[in-house]
Amino acid sequence: MLGSGPSARKRRLDWWHYPVLAISLLQCALYLIPQTRPGLLGAMCWILGSDPYLWLGIAGVLLLCGVLWSAWRRPFWNRWRVAGYLALLGLAASPLMFRIYPSSHDNAPSLVRF
């Protein structure tokens, strides 16, 4: 019968996809919390989220784990692994979101005359 047998088994997420997803959600939270202007907590989230060496290091370790796991568990490419690698690329580039700290005076005119 078509579709049965070992080659037709359904591909699932690898173990390294779960830390990628969790850390990506953490990075999103670190970006969104300062948008609510919570004070010192927002500043701490902004500092942690904007550290490029931290996020490049995490993404690099997870990329190495993903490539080694993909090489060990064939086939190397499938749609879940491509999605995981794209998520890692987004995680590595995520500190670029942290350029301008959100001000509590965004909608107020400046008192300084130019």
N, C-alpha and C. Protein backbone atom coordinates (compact mmCIF):
# COMPACT_ATOMS: atom_id res chain seq x y z
N MET A 1 0.84 -1.18 0.00
CA MET A 1 0.00 0.00 0.00
C MET A 1 0.89 1.24 0.00
N LEU A 2 0.48 2.24 -0.75
CA LEU A 2 1.24 3.48 -0.81
C LEU A 2 1.17 4.21 0.53
N GLY A 3 2.26 4.83 0.89
CA GLY A 3 2.28 5.63 2.09
C GLY A 3 2.56 4.85 3.36
N SER A 4 2.81 3.57 3.26
CA SER A 4 3.14 2.81 4.45
C SER A 4 4.58 2.36 4.35
N GLY A 5 5.18 2.12 5.47
CA GLY A 5 6.56 1.69 5.48
C GLY A 5 7.44 2.72 6.16
N PRO A 6 8.72 2.41 6.31
CA PRO A 6 9.60 3.30 7.05
C PRO A 6 9.85 4.64 6.37
N SER A 7 9.81 4.70 5.04
CA SER A 7 10.09 5.96 4.37
C SER A 7 8.90 6.92 4.44
N ALA A 8 7.72 6.41 4.79
CA ALA A 8 6.54 7.25 4.83
C ALA A 8 6.22 7.74 6.23
N ARG A 9 7.10 7.50 7.20
CA ARG A 9 6.80 7.94 8.56
C ARG A 9 6.79 9.46 8.63
N LYS A 10 6.00 9.95 9.50
CA LYS A 10 5.80 11.39 9.61
C LYS A 10 6.99 12.02 10.34
N ARG A 11 7.57 13.06 9.75
CA ARG A 11 8.69 13.76 10.37
C ARG A 11 8.16 14.67 11.46
N ARG A 12 8.86 14.66 12.59
CA ARG A 12 8.48 15.50 13.72
C ARG A 12 9.62 16.46 14.04
N LEU A 13 9.36 17.31 14.98
CA LEU A 13 10.40 18.24 15.41
C LEU A 13 11.53 17.49 16.09
N ASP A 14 12.75 17.94 15.85
CA ASP A 14 13.90 17.39 16.57
C ASP A 14 13.98 18.05 17.94
N TRP A 15 14.81 17.51 18.79
CA TRP A 15 14.90 18.03 20.15
C TRP A 15 15.41 19.47 20.18
N TRP A 16 16.28 19.86 19.23
CA TRP A 16 16.86 21.20 19.26
C TRP A 16 15.88 22.27 18.83
N HIS A 17 14.76 21.88 18.23
CA HIS A 17 13.74 22.87 17.87
C HIS A 17 13.08 23.47 19.11
N TYR A 18 12.94 22.69 20.16
CA TYR A 18 12.26 23.17 21.35
C TYR A 18 13.04 24.27 22.08
N PRO A 19 14.36 24.13 22.29
CA PRO A 19 15.10 25.27 22.85
C PRO A 19 15.10 26.49 21.92
N VAL A 20 15.14 26.27 20.61
CA VAL A 20 15.09 27.40 19.67
C VAL A 20 13.77 28.14 19.84
N LEU A 21 12.67 27.40 19.94
CA LEU A 21 11.37 28.04 20.13
C LEU A 21 11.28 28.77 21.46
N ALA A 22 11.75 28.13 22.53
CA ALA A 22 11.68 28.75 23.86
C ALA A 22 12.53 30.01 23.93
N ILE A 23 13.74 29.96 23.38
CA ILE A 23 14.63 31.12 23.44
C ILE A 23 14.13 32.23 22.52
N SER A 24 13.51 31.87 21.40
CA SER A 24 12.91 32.89 20.53
C SER A 24 11.76 33.59 21.23
N LEU A 25 10.94 32.83 21.96
CA LEU A 25 9.85 33.45 22.72
C LEU A 25 10.40 34.34 23.83
N LEU A 26 11.48 33.93 24.47
CA LEU A 26 12.12 34.76 25.49
C LEU A 26 12.61 36.07 24.87
N GLN A 27 13.23 35.99 23.71
CA GLN A 27 13.72 37.20 23.05
C GLN A 27 12.57 38.13 22.67
N CYS A 28 11.45 37.56 22.24
CA CYS A 28 10.27 38.39 21.94
C CYS A 28 9.76 39.07 23.20
N ALA A 29 9.75 38.34 24.31
CA ALA A 29 9.31 38.94 25.57
C ALA A 29 10.26 40.04 26.01
N LEU A 30 11.57 39.83 25.82
CA LEU A 30 12.54 40.86 26.19
C LEU A 30 12.36 42.12 25.34
N TYR A 31 11.82 41.98 24.15
CA TYR A 31 11.56 43.15 23.31
C TYR A 31 10.23 43.81 23.67
N LEU A 32 9.21 43.01 23.95
CA LEU A 32 7.88 43.56 24.18
C LEU A 32 7.70 44.16 25.57
N ILE A 33 8.38 43.65 26.57
CA ILE A 33 8.22 44.19 27.93
C ILE A 33 8.60 45.66 28.00
N PRO A 34 9.74 46.11 27.44
CA PRO A 34 10.04 47.55 27.51
C PRO A 34 9.04 48.43 26.76
N GLN A 35 8.29 47.87 25.81
CA GLN A 35 7.30 48.67 25.09
C GLN A 35 6.17 49.11 26.01
N THR A 36 5.99 48.43 27.14
CA THR A 36 4.94 48.81 28.11
C THR A 36 5.45 49.82 29.13
N ARG A 37 6.72 50.20 29.04
CA ARG A 37 7.37 51.19 29.90
C ARG A 37 7.27 50.83 31.38
N PRO A 38 7.79 49.65 31.79
CA PRO A 38 7.67 49.26 33.20
C PRO A 38 8.77 49.79 34.10
N GLY A 39 9.60 50.67 33.62
CA GLY A 39 10.65 51.25 34.45
C GLY A 39 11.95 50.45 34.38
N LEU A 40 12.49 50.12 35.56
CA LEU A 40 13.78 49.44 35.63
C LEU A 40 13.74 48.05 35.00
N LEU A 41 12.63 47.34 35.14
CA LEU A 41 12.49 46.03 34.51
C LEU A 41 12.64 46.13 32.99
N GLY A 42 12.05 47.16 32.41
CA GLY A 42 12.17 47.37 30.97
C GLY A 42 13.60 47.63 30.54
N ALA A 43 14.31 48.41 31.34
CA ALA A 43 15.71 48.70 31.02
C ALA A 43 16.56 47.44 31.11
N MET A 44 16.30 46.62 32.11
CA MET A 44 17.06 45.37 32.25
C MET A 44 16.75 44.42 31.09
N CYS A 45 15.50 44.34 30.68
CA CYS A 45 15.13 43.51 29.53
C CYS A 45 15.80 44.02 28.27
N TRP A 46 15.86 45.34 28.12
CA TRP A 46 16.46 45.94 26.93
C TRP A 46 17.96 45.64 26.87
N ILE A 47 18.63 45.75 28.00
CA ILE A 47 20.07 45.48 28.03
C ILE A 47 20.36 44.01 27.71
N LEU A 48 19.59 43.11 28.32
CA LEU A 48 19.79 41.68 28.07
C LEU A 48 19.45 41.31 26.62
N GLY A 49 18.38 41.87 26.09
CA GLY A 49 17.96 41.54 24.74
C GLY A 49 18.84 42.13 23.66
N SER A 50 19.54 43.21 23.97
CA SER A 50 20.34 43.88 22.93
C SER A 50 21.78 43.41 22.89
N ASP A 51 22.17 42.46 23.72
CA ASP A 51 23.55 41.98 23.73
C ASP A 51 23.80 41.04 22.55
N PRO A 52 24.52 41.51 21.52
CA PRO A 52 24.69 40.68 20.33
C PRO A 52 25.55 39.44 20.56
N TYR A 53 26.54 39.53 21.45
CA TYR A 53 27.40 38.37 21.69
C TYR A 53 26.64 37.24 22.36
N LEU A 54 25.76 37.57 23.27
CA LEU A 54 24.95 36.55 23.94
C LEU A 54 24.08 35.81 22.94
N TRP A 55 23.37 36.53 22.09
CA TRP A 55 22.42 35.90 21.18
C TRP A 55 23.11 35.20 20.02
N LEU A 56 24.24 35.75 19.58
CA LEU A 56 25.01 35.04 18.55
C LEU A 56 25.61 33.75 19.11
N GLY A 57 26.04 33.79 20.36
CA GLY A 57 26.58 32.60 21.00
C GLY A 57 25.53 31.51 21.17
N ILE A 58 24.35 31.90 21.65
CA ILE A 58 23.26 30.94 21.81
C ILE A 58 22.85 30.35 20.47
N ALA A 59 22.70 31.22 19.48
CA ALA A 59 22.31 30.74 18.14
C ALA A 59 23.39 29.85 17.54
N GLY A 60 24.65 30.18 17.78
CA GLY A 60 25.74 29.36 17.25
C GLY A 60 25.78 27.97 17.87
N VAL A 61 25.59 27.89 19.18
CA VAL A 61 25.57 26.59 19.85
C VAL A 61 24.39 25.76 19.36
N LEU A 62 23.23 26.37 19.24
CA LEU A 62 22.06 25.63 18.76
C LEU A 62 22.20 25.25 17.29
N LEU A 63 22.84 26.10 16.50
CA LEU A 63 23.09 25.75 15.10
C LEU A 63 24.02 24.54 15.00
N LEU A 64 25.06 24.53 15.80
CA LEU A 64 25.97 23.39 15.82
C LEU A 64 25.24 22.11 16.22
N CYS A 65 24.41 22.20 17.26
CA CYS A 65 23.62 21.04 17.68
C CYS A 65 22.68 20.59 16.56
N GLY A 66 22.04 21.53 15.90
CA GLY A 66 21.11 21.18 14.83
C GLY A 66 21.79 20.55 13.64
N VAL A 67 22.96 21.07 13.25
CA VAL A 67 23.68 20.51 12.11
C VAL A 67 24.19 19.12 12.43
N LEU A 68 24.75 18.94 13.63
CA LEU A 68 25.24 17.61 14.00
C LEU A 68 24.11 16.60 14.10
N TRP A 69 22.99 17.02 14.67
CA TRP A 69 21.84 16.11 14.78
C TRP A 69 21.29 15.77 13.40
N SER A 70 21.24 16.76 12.52
CA SER A 70 20.74 16.51 11.16
C SER A 70 21.67 15.60 10.38
N ALA A 71 22.97 15.72 10.60
CA ALA A 71 23.92 14.85 9.92
C ALA A 71 23.84 13.42 10.45
N TRP A 72 23.52 13.30 11.73
CA TRP A 72 23.44 11.98 12.34
C TRP A 72 22.12 11.30 12.03
N ARG A 73 21.04 12.05 12.02
CA ARG A 73 19.70 11.50 11.77
C ARG A 73 19.24 11.96 10.39
N ARG A 74 19.40 11.13 9.40
CA ARG A 74 19.06 11.45 8.02
C ARG A 74 17.57 11.48 7.81
N PRO A 75 17.05 12.16 6.82
CA PRO A 75 17.70 13.03 5.84
C PRO A 75 18.10 14.36 6.47
N PHE A 76 19.13 14.95 5.90
CA PHE A 76 19.65 16.19 6.47
C PHE A 76 18.62 17.31 6.37
N TRP A 77 17.96 17.43 5.22
CA TRP A 77 16.99 18.50 5.01
C TRP A 77 15.57 17.96 5.08
N ASN A 78 14.75 18.62 5.83
CA ASN A 78 13.30 18.45 5.76
C ASN A 78 12.69 19.79 6.16
N ARG A 79 11.40 19.90 6.04
CA ARG A 79 10.79 21.23 6.25
C ARG A 79 10.93 21.72 7.68
N TRP A 80 10.91 20.81 8.66
CA TRP A 80 11.04 21.24 10.05
C TRP A 80 12.45 21.73 10.34
N ARG A 81 13.43 21.09 9.76
CA ARG A 81 14.81 21.53 9.98
C ARG A 81 15.09 22.86 9.29
N VAL A 82 14.55 23.04 8.11
CA VAL A 82 14.70 24.34 7.44
C VAL A 82 14.04 25.44 8.27
N ALA A 83 12.86 25.16 8.80
CA ALA A 83 12.18 26.14 9.66
C ALA A 83 13.01 26.43 10.91
N GLY A 84 13.64 25.40 11.47
CA GLY A 84 14.50 25.60 12.64
C GLY A 84 15.72 26.43 12.33
N TYR A 85 16.33 26.18 11.17
CA TYR A 85 17.50 26.98 10.78
C TYR A 85 17.11 28.43 10.51
N LEU A 86 15.95 28.65 9.92
CA LEU A 86 15.48 30.03 9.70
C LEU A 86 15.18 30.72 11.03
N ALA A 87 14.62 29.98 11.98
CA ALA A 87 14.38 30.56 13.30
C ALA A 87 15.69 30.92 13.98
N LEU A 88 16.72 30.09 13.80
CA LEU A 88 18.03 30.41 14.36
C LEU A 88 18.63 31.67 13.71
N LEU A 89 18.41 31.82 12.42
CA LEU A 89 18.86 33.02 11.74
C LEU A 89 18.16 34.26 12.31
N GLY A 90 16.86 34.14 12.52
CA GLY A 90 16.13 35.23 13.14
C GLY A 90 16.60 35.52 14.56
N LEU A 91 16.91 34.48 15.31
CA LEU A 91 17.40 34.66 16.68
C LEU A 91 18.76 35.35 16.68
N ALA A 92 19.63 34.99 15.75
CA ALA A 92 20.94 35.62 15.67
C ALA A 92 20.83 37.09 15.29
N ALA A 93 19.84 37.44 14.47
CA ALA A 93 19.66 38.82 14.03
C ALA A 93 18.77 39.63 14.98
N SER A 94 18.20 39.00 15.98
CA SER A 94 17.22 39.68 16.84
C SER A 94 17.77 40.87 17.62
N PRO A 95 19.06 40.93 17.99
CA PRO A 95 19.52 42.15 18.67
C PRO A 95 19.40 43.41 17.82
N LEU A 96 19.23 43.26 16.51
CA LEU A 96 19.06 44.44 15.66
C LEU A 96 17.73 45.15 15.93
N MET A 97 16.78 44.46 16.57
CA MET A 97 15.51 45.11 16.93
C MET A 97 15.71 46.14 18.03
N PHE A 98 16.75 45.99 18.83
CA PHE A 98 16.96 46.82 20.00
C PHE A 98 17.85 48.00 19.67
N ARG A 99 17.35 48.92 18.87
CA ARG A 99 18.15 50.09 18.50
C ARG A 99 17.76 51.33 19.30
N ILE A 100 16.48 51.63 19.37
CA ILE A 100 16.01 52.84 20.03
C ILE A 100 15.13 52.44 21.19
N TYR A 101 15.54 52.82 22.40
CA TYR A 101 14.76 52.47 23.59
C TYR A 101 13.45 53.26 23.57
N PRO A 102 12.32 52.60 23.84
CA PRO A 102 11.04 53.30 23.80
C PRO A 102 10.94 54.33 24.93
N SER A 103 10.63 55.54 24.57
CA SER A 103 10.53 56.64 25.54
C SER A 103 9.11 56.78 26.05
N SER A 104 9.00 57.19 27.30
CA SER A 104 7.68 57.46 27.85
C SER A 104 7.15 58.80 27.36
N HIS A 105 7.96 59.55 26.61
CA HIS A 105 7.56 60.85 26.06
C HIS A 105 7.38 60.78 24.55
N ASP A 106 7.02 59.63 24.02
CA ASP A 106 6.90 59.46 22.57
C ASP A 106 5.86 60.39 21.95
N ASN A 107 4.73 60.57 22.60
CA ASN A 107 3.64 61.35 22.02
C ASN A 107 3.54 62.76 22.59
N ALA A 108 4.54 63.18 23.33
CA ALA A 108 4.51 64.51 23.93
C ALA A 108 5.49 65.42 23.18
N PRO A 109 5.11 66.67 22.95
CA PRO A 109 6.03 67.59 22.29
C PRO A 109 7.20 67.95 23.23
N SER A 110 8.34 68.21 22.64
CA SER A 110 9.51 68.57 23.41
C SER A 110 9.37 70.00 23.94
N LEU A 111 9.85 70.21 25.15
CA LEU A 111 9.84 71.55 25.72
C LEU A 111 11.05 72.36 25.25
N VAL A 112 12.00 71.71 24.64
CA VAL A 112 13.19 72.37 24.14
C VAL A 112 12.89 72.98 22.78
N ARG A 113 13.21 74.25 22.63
CA ARG A 113 12.96 74.93 21.36
C ARG A 113 14.18 74.71 20.46
N PHE A 114 13.92 74.35 19.22
CA PHE A 114 14.99 74.11 18.26
C PHE A 114 15.10 75.25 17.29
